[in-house]
Structures are given as C-alpha cells and as structure tokens.
Amino acid sequence: MSDWIKAARLRTLPLSLSGIIMGSFIAKWRLWGEGGTWDWKIFALALLVTLLYQILSNYANDYGDGIKGTDAKRASEAEARAVASGKITAKQMRNAVILFSVLSFVATVALLYIAFIPEYMNEFYIFIGLGVASILAAIGYTIGKKPYGYMGLGDLFVFVFFGLVSVCGSYFLFTKTFSWDMLLPGTAVGMMSMAVLNLNNMRDIESDKLSGKNSFALRIGFKNAMIYEMVLLQFPLILILIFLAINGFLQSQNYYVFIVMILIIPFAKLRRKIMEVKEPRQLDPFLKQVGILTFMMALFTAIGLNLFK
C-alpha cells in the first residue's frame, strides 16, 4: 500500500485543489451578494473529482514514463517512481489507471447530477464532455503513441485544465453563469500550475534529452526556461489584485480582502532562491513550495472574500 501512496504523489494534491477552492469560494462570495445559495455537496464532490483526476494523472505519468524508459534515465527519481523501480508492475499500474479513470468518470457524473439535474440539462451534457476531456488529458500526457507531454504541449494543457477549467468550471457549477472576470483568477492558478510543471521539466532537462521527451523547457533551453519561470511566478498575484480592483474593493472599506497580498514576500523569496540554482536537480524542493504557495493564494483569496463580509 505504501508504494501506491508514494506513486499517488501526495505533494501534488494541494496544487490540484487550488483551482476548486478559488472558483468555489468566489462563487460563494458572489452568491451571497446576490442572495443566492451555495451547496456544500457540490464543493465536496468537486474536491473528490479533482483528487481522483490528480491521482489518475500521477499513476498515468508513472506508467507512461515507466514503459517508455524515461524514468530509468532519471537517476534521482528512478527509485521513487513505482514502475521504473519495479515496486509496481506495468500491468498493475495500467489496471490502476483504468480503475481511476472509471472512478473519476463516476464521480464526475455524480457531481454534475447534483449541480445540474433537472433544470440544466444542456449544461450537464457540456460538462460531461469537459469531464471526459479532463480524463483523457490526464492519461494522454505520457501514454499513447504521441503523448502531448513529449511534444512540449504539457504547459498548455496544464494551463487550460488546472487553471481555466478548474476555476471557471467550479464557479459555474454553483452560479450556472460565466463571468469574464473569472478568467483572471483562472489564469493566476493556471500560471502557477505551469510554473510547477516547468520546474519539473527544468529539473529533468538532461534526462529528458536522452529519452526523447521534448518538454517545453527542453525546447527553449534551461536559461530561457528560468526566465519563463520568473514570468509565471510574477503575474498571479497581480491578476488577483486586478480581479479585486475591478470588483470594487479598492474603493471599499473591506481591506481584509487583500490578505492574499501578504504572499508577495514569500513569492519574492521563492523567485530569488530559484534564480540562484545552477544545477537542474537542485530545483526539486521548489516543486512542493510552488504548489503550497498556489494553495495559499487560493485559500487567502477565499478567506478574504468570505470571512470578512
């Protein structure tokens, strides 16, 4: 069981939850202002669906990189990845991918049934399609003849599904409406998710070159990937500030809503420490730190909007 828990890579879970927290609690704040109701069952099921998607993605990546021999070329990770180390067989991991694909789909249907049935049938079918697309995206990063993670397209998919779909989609589950200003927090979470992936690809840039995994970091080179990383870590808080500004908080007396801005300091420290790294493998500790900062950004935004109304 411990091998399966390690393969699930629990340190990635805060990042996956961030989009749901951001979208759900912005919806809670907006519904409160409009006299609407916020359903905790939708939130609980959305968290469950996201956790299942993330575990599915981690198992699929373990399986895909394992059978392609990519992990075998990563001296620092080969022992940690289950299939490459032999702790879990490729067949067992493939079965786990199938199982979690089914569980993810069932949980998605349950979530959408609670959120949309019977008044919003069209939305139900549209979100079923998004759910299937999310499952396929989780699997397709490393599995298949042309996995998009091996073509340098991982950043785009992470931005769309971990950012826009997660934040804007969870917001829609509660409000049944789309608001253009939600693209701001959606982009903020998406950029942080891209920052995690880019760090991961920067760390593995040498081994990925040997295995033929042409990540975006490998395509642009380590130096340019570092500049790209700084850009990704610079703008999320600015986007959140713009979101708060266009919703009138700069003119209000509710300054508590800006509690999220205390993260400016840890963001700045993190960027400085990452820039000091010279060896790619020294980037590994920062993966968890960026994930936690993303979670804190979503949590503080939620607290600021809802706790001090």
Protein backbone atom coordinates (compact mmCIF):
# COMPACT_ATOMS: atom_id res chain seq x y z
CA MET A 1 0.00 0.00 0.00
CA SER A 2 2.85 2.40 0.79
CA ASP A 3 4.13 2.06 -2.79
CA TRP A 4 0.73 3.06 -4.16
CA ILE A 5 0.57 6.05 -1.82
CA LYS A 6 4.02 7.18 -2.96
CA ALA A 7 3.03 6.72 -6.61
CA ALA A 8 -0.02 8.93 -5.97
CA ARG A 9 2.50 11.73 -5.20
CA LEU A 10 0.52 13.42 -2.44
CA ARG A 11 2.65 16.56 -2.65
CA THR A 12 0.89 17.42 -5.91
CA LEU A 13 -2.58 17.40 -4.34
CA PRO A 14 -2.58 20.97 -2.89
CA LEU A 15 -1.97 22.31 -6.38
CA SER A 16 -4.90 20.37 -7.83
CA LEU A 17 -7.25 21.58 -5.07
CA SER A 18 -6.34 25.23 -5.52
CA GLY A 19 -8.50 25.83 -8.60
CA ILE A 20 -11.57 24.29 -6.97
CA ILE A 21 -11.13 26.36 -3.81
CA MET A 22 -10.61 29.54 -5.83
CA GLY A 23 -13.62 29.08 -8.09
CA SER A 24 -15.97 27.70 -5.45
CA PHE A 25 -15.41 30.43 -2.86
CA ILE A 26 -15.53 33.26 -5.36
CA ALA A 27 -18.91 31.78 -6.30
CA LYS A 28 -19.88 31.68 -2.61
CA TRP A 29 -18.98 35.35 -2.19
CA ARG A 30 -20.89 36.36 -5.34
CA LEU A 31 -23.96 34.30 -4.48
CA TRP A 32 -24.01 35.81 -1.01
CA GLY A 33 -24.10 39.28 -2.55
CA GLU A 34 -26.95 38.28 -4.87
CA GLY A 35 -28.97 36.41 -2.26
CA GLY A 36 -28.29 33.01 -3.80
CA THR A 37 -27.46 29.71 -2.11
CA TRP A 38 -24.16 27.80 -2.04
CA ASP A 39 -24.35 24.00 -1.96
CA TRP A 40 -21.62 22.35 0.16
CA LYS A 41 -22.35 18.99 -1.52
CA ILE A 42 -21.19 20.39 -4.85
CA PHE A 43 -17.98 21.62 -3.23
CA ALA A 44 -17.29 18.26 -1.54
CA LEU A 45 -17.88 16.32 -4.75
CA ALA A 46 -15.78 18.79 -6.76
CA LEU A 47 -12.88 18.19 -4.35
CA LEU A 48 -13.32 14.43 -4.70
CA VAL A 49 -13.38 14.62 -8.50
CA THR A 50 -10.24 16.75 -8.55
CA LEU A 51 -8.38 14.40 -6.23
CA LEU A 52 -9.32 11.44 -8.43
CA TYR A 53 -8.16 13.30 -11.56
CA GLN A 54 -4.83 14.15 -9.92
CA ILE A 55 -4.16 10.61 -8.73
CA LEU A 56 -5.17 9.30 -12.15
CA SER A 57 -2.73 11.72 -13.76
CA ASN A 58 0.11 10.71 -11.44
CA TYR A 59 -0.49 6.99 -12.00
CA ALA A 60 -0.73 7.51 -15.75
CA ASN A 61 2.52 9.51 -15.78
CA ASP A 62 4.25 6.83 -13.72
CA TYR A 63 3.04 4.17 -16.14
CA GLY A 64 3.77 6.13 -19.33
CA ASP A 65 7.28 7.25 -18.33
CA GLY A 66 8.00 3.80 -16.92
CA ILE A 67 7.19 1.79 -20.05
CA LYS A 68 8.93 4.33 -22.29
CA GLY A 69 12.11 4.10 -20.22
CA THR A 70 12.09 7.79 -19.40
CA ASP A 71 12.29 7.28 -15.63
CA ALA A 72 15.18 4.85 -15.98
CA LYS A 73 17.33 7.75 -17.16
CA ARG A 74 16.48 9.89 -14.13
CA ALA A 75 18.99 8.90 -11.51
CA SER A 76 17.36 10.97 -8.78
CA GLU A 77 13.80 9.83 -9.49
CA ALA A 78 14.06 6.27 -10.76
CA GLU A 79 13.86 4.82 -7.26
CA ALA A 80 10.85 6.94 -6.38
CA ARG A 81 8.77 6.16 -9.47
CA ALA A 82 6.96 2.91 -8.95
CA VAL A 83 7.02 1.27 -12.40
CA ALA A 84 10.63 2.21 -13.19
CA SER A 85 11.83 0.85 -9.85
CA GLY A 86 9.81 -2.37 -10.17
CA LYS A 87 7.86 -1.75 -6.97
CA ILE A 88 4.65 -1.86 -9.01
CA THR A 89 4.46 -3.75 -12.29
CA ALA A 90 3.44 -2.03 -15.51
CA LYS A 91 0.35 -4.25 -15.70
CA GLN A 92 -0.70 -3.33 -12.17
CA MET A 93 -0.25 0.36 -12.87
CA ARG A 94 -2.17 0.09 -16.13
CA ASN A 95 -5.04 -1.52 -14.24
CA ALA A 96 -4.88 1.29 -11.68
CA VAL A 97 -5.12 3.84 -14.49
CA ILE A 98 -8.20 2.07 -15.83
CA LEU A 99 -9.74 1.87 -12.33
CA PHE A 100 -9.19 5.54 -11.57
CA SER A 101 -10.49 6.52 -14.99
CA VAL A 102 -13.75 4.75 -14.17
CA LEU A 103 -13.88 6.18 -10.65
CA SER A 104 -13.19 9.67 -11.99
CA PHE A 105 -15.99 9.39 -14.53
CA VAL A 106 -18.49 8.06 -11.98
CA ALA A 107 -17.62 10.83 -9.52
CA THR A 108 -17.91 13.41 -12.32
CA VAL A 109 -21.40 12.19 -13.25
CA ALA A 110 -22.45 12.32 -9.57
CA LEU A 111 -21.14 15.88 -9.23
CA LEU A 112 -22.85 17.08 -12.38
CA TYR A 113 -26.10 15.34 -11.44
CA ILE A 114 -26.21 17.24 -8.14
CA ALA A 115 -25.22 20.51 -9.81
CA PHE A 116 -27.40 20.49 -12.94
CA ILE A 117 -30.21 17.93 -12.90
CA PRO A 118 -33.04 18.50 -13.75
CA GLU A 119 -33.05 22.24 -14.57
CA TYR A 120 -29.83 22.48 -16.60
CA MET A 121 -29.70 19.51 -18.97
CA ASN A 122 -27.64 21.24 -21.69
CA GLU A 123 -25.03 22.28 -19.14
CA PHE A 124 -24.99 18.72 -17.79
CA TYR A 125 -24.02 17.28 -21.16
CA ILE A 126 -21.47 20.02 -21.84
CA PHE A 127 -19.73 19.36 -18.53
CA ILE A 128 -19.82 15.61 -19.15
CA GLY A 129 -17.78 16.37 -22.25
CA LEU A 130 -15.36 18.51 -20.20
CA GLY A 131 -15.04 15.68 -17.69
CA VAL A 132 -14.18 13.16 -20.39
CA ALA A 133 -11.69 15.63 -21.87
CA SER A 134 -10.09 16.06 -18.43
CA ILE A 135 -9.73 12.30 -18.01
CA LEU A 136 -8.22 11.93 -21.47
CA ALA A 137 -5.85 14.83 -20.77
CA ALA A 138 -4.72 13.19 -17.52
CA ILE A 139 -3.94 9.96 -19.37
CA GLY A 140 -2.55 11.47 -22.56
CA TYR A 141 0.36 13.37 -21.00
CA THR A 142 2.69 10.36 -21.19
CA ILE A 143 0.55 7.49 -22.55
CA GLY A 144 -0.04 6.73 -26.21
CA LYS A 145 1.90 6.88 -29.46
CA LYS A 146 2.07 10.68 -29.37
CA PRO A 147 1.73 11.82 -25.74
CA TYR A 148 1.46 15.59 -25.64
CA GLY A 149 3.91 15.82 -22.74
CA TYR A 150 6.62 14.51 -25.08
CA MET A 151 5.80 17.19 -27.66
CA GLY A 152 6.20 20.22 -25.41
CA LEU A 153 2.45 20.81 -25.07
CA GLY A 154 2.14 19.99 -21.37
CA ASP A 155 2.21 23.64 -20.30
CA LEU A 156 -0.79 24.48 -22.49
CA PHE A 157 -2.87 21.57 -21.20
CA VAL A 158 -1.96 22.32 -17.58
CA PHE A 159 -2.96 25.96 -18.03
CA VAL A 160 -6.32 25.02 -19.55
CA PHE A 161 -7.35 22.19 -17.21
CA PHE A 162 -5.68 23.13 -13.90
CA GLY A 163 -6.39 26.82 -14.40
CA LEU A 164 -9.31 27.85 -16.59
CA VAL A 165 -11.41 24.70 -16.43
CA SER A 166 -10.82 24.18 -12.71
CA VAL A 167 -11.53 27.75 -11.58
CA CYS A 168 -14.14 28.84 -14.11
CA GLY A 169 -15.77 25.40 -14.19
CA SER A 170 -16.17 25.16 -10.41
CA TYR A 171 -17.55 28.72 -10.36
CA PHE A 172 -20.13 27.74 -13.00
CA LEU A 173 -21.22 24.68 -11.00
CA PHE A 174 -22.57 26.99 -8.29
CA THR A 175 -23.70 30.07 -10.21
CA LYS A 176 -24.76 28.49 -13.53
CA THR A 177 -23.27 31.55 -15.22
CA PHE A 178 -19.95 32.52 -16.77
CA SER A 179 -18.32 35.80 -15.78
CA TRP A 180 -15.42 37.16 -17.81
CA ASP A 181 -13.60 38.41 -14.72
CA MET A 182 -13.16 34.78 -13.63
CA LEU A 183 -10.52 34.46 -16.33
CA LEU A 184 -8.23 36.48 -14.04
CA PRO A 185 -8.10 34.04 -11.08
CA GLY A 186 -8.30 31.17 -13.58
CA THR A 187 -5.21 32.47 -15.34
CA ALA A 188 -3.46 33.05 -11.99
CA VAL A 189 -3.93 29.42 -10.92
CA GLY A 190 -3.10 28.24 -14.43
CA MET A 191 0.20 30.13 -14.44
CA MET A 192 1.14 28.68 -11.05
CA SER A 193 0.37 25.19 -12.36
CA MET A 194 2.56 25.88 -15.38
CA ALA A 195 5.30 27.06 -13.00
CA VAL A 196 5.24 23.68 -11.23
CA LEU A 197 5.38 21.76 -14.49
CA ASN A 198 8.16 23.96 -15.84
CA LEU A 199 10.23 23.42 -12.68
CA ASN A 200 9.71 19.69 -13.06
CA ASN A 201 10.82 19.82 -16.69
CA MET A 202 13.79 22.06 -15.89
CA ARG A 203 14.90 19.59 -13.25
CA ASP A 204 14.71 16.69 -15.72
CA ILE A 205 16.02 18.59 -18.74
CA GLU A 206 19.15 16.45 -19.20
CA SER A 207 17.47 13.08 -18.76
CA ASP A 208 14.53 14.14 -20.94
CA LYS A 209 17.01 14.97 -23.70
CA LEU A 210 18.33 11.40 -23.53
CA SER A 211 14.88 9.83 -23.53
CA GLY A 212 13.41 11.99 -26.31
CA LYS A 213 10.88 13.76 -24.11
CA ASN A 214 10.79 17.19 -25.75
CA SER A 215 9.27 19.24 -22.97
CA PHE A 216 8.82 22.96 -23.46
CA ALA A 217 11.75 23.60 -21.09
CA LEU A 218 13.97 21.40 -23.22
CA ARG A 219 12.84 23.11 -26.41
CA ILE A 220 13.71 26.62 -25.20
CA GLY A 221 16.75 25.68 -23.08
CA PHE A 222 17.47 25.94 -19.36
CA LYS A 223 18.31 29.67 -19.34
CA ASN A 224 15.15 30.70 -21.21
CA ALA A 225 13.09 28.28 -19.10
CA MET A 226 14.35 30.10 -16.00
CA ILE A 227 13.17 33.44 -17.44
CA TYR A 228 9.85 31.80 -18.31
CA GLU A 229 9.60 30.54 -14.72
CA MET A 230 10.12 34.04 -13.31
CA VAL A 231 7.35 35.39 -15.55
CA LEU A 232 4.98 32.64 -14.42
CA LEU A 233 5.67 33.41 -10.75
CA GLN A 234 5.44 37.19 -11.19
CA PHE A 235 1.93 37.68 -12.55
CA PRO A 236 -0.54 35.54 -10.49
CA LEU A 237 -0.81 37.94 -7.55
CA ILE A 238 -1.09 40.86 -9.96
CA LEU A 239 -4.02 39.13 -11.66
CA ILE A 240 -5.72 38.52 -8.30
CA LEU A 241 -5.22 42.20 -7.41
CA ILE A 242 -6.78 43.26 -10.73
CA PHE A 243 -9.73 40.94 -10.04
CA LEU A 244 -10.29 42.54 -6.63
CA ALA A 245 -9.91 46.02 -8.10
CA ILE A 246 -12.47 45.59 -10.88
CA ASN A 247 -14.90 44.22 -8.30
CA GLY A 248 -14.74 47.48 -6.36
CA PHE A 249 -12.61 46.53 -3.38
CA LEU A 250 -10.13 49.39 -3.83
CA GLN A 251 -12.98 51.79 -3.07
CA SER A 252 -14.49 49.73 -0.25
CA GLN A 253 -13.61 49.69 3.45
CA ASN A 254 -13.10 45.92 3.40
CA TYR A 255 -9.32 45.88 3.37
CA TYR A 256 -9.26 42.36 4.78
CA VAL A 257 -9.95 41.08 1.29
CA PHE A 258 -6.37 41.98 0.39
CA ILE A 259 -4.98 39.46 2.88
CA VAL A 260 -3.78 37.42 -0.12
CA MET A 261 -1.23 40.16 -0.85
CA ILE A 262 0.88 39.10 2.16
CA LEU A 263 2.13 36.37 -0.16
CA ILE A 264 4.15 38.98 -2.06
CA ILE A 265 7.05 38.37 0.33
CA PRO A 266 7.23 34.56 0.05
CA PHE A 267 6.74 34.83 -3.72
CA ALA A 268 9.69 37.22 -3.97
CA LYS A 269 11.89 34.99 -1.78
CA LEU A 270 10.96 31.93 -3.82
CA ARG A 271 11.81 33.62 -7.11
CA ARG A 272 15.17 34.72 -5.76
CA LYS A 273 16.06 31.25 -4.50
CA ILE A 274 15.07 29.61 -7.79
CA MET A 275 17.19 32.08 -9.74
CA GLU A 276 20.22 31.14 -7.61
CA VAL A 277 20.02 27.50 -8.74
CA LYS A 278 22.76 26.42 -11.13
CA GLU A 279 22.19 22.65 -11.32
CA PRO A 280 18.79 21.46 -12.64
CA ARG A 281 18.37 18.75 -9.99
CA GLN A 282 18.56 21.37 -7.24
CA LEU A 283 15.12 22.55 -8.34
CA ASP A 284 13.27 19.56 -6.88
CA PRO A 285 12.46 21.09 -3.43
CA PHE A 286 10.80 24.08 -5.08
CA LEU A 287 8.09 21.95 -6.70
CA LYS A 288 6.36 21.46 -3.36
CA GLN A 289 6.89 25.09 -2.38
CA VAL A 290 5.22 26.44 -5.53
CA GLY A 291 2.32 24.03 -5.02
CA ILE A 292 1.83 25.20 -1.44
CA LEU A 293 2.01 28.86 -2.48
CA THR A 294 -0.68 28.20 -5.08
CA PHE A 295 -2.87 26.60 -2.42
CA MET A 296 -2.27 29.53 -0.04
CA MET A 297 -3.12 32.02 -2.80
CA ALA A 298 -6.46 30.31 -3.37
CA LEU A 299 -7.14 29.90 0.35
CA PHE A 300 -6.34 33.52 1.27
CA THR A 301 -8.46 34.80 -1.61
CA ALA A 302 -11.35 32.66 -0.36
CA ILE A 303 -10.89 33.84 3.23
CA GLY A 304 -10.63 37.49 2.26
CA LEU A 305 -13.80 37.39 0.21
CA ASN A 306 -15.96 35.34 2.55
CA LEU A 307 -14.79 35.68 6.13
CA PHE A 308 -14.96 39.45 6.41
CA LYS A 309 -18.14 40.31 4.54
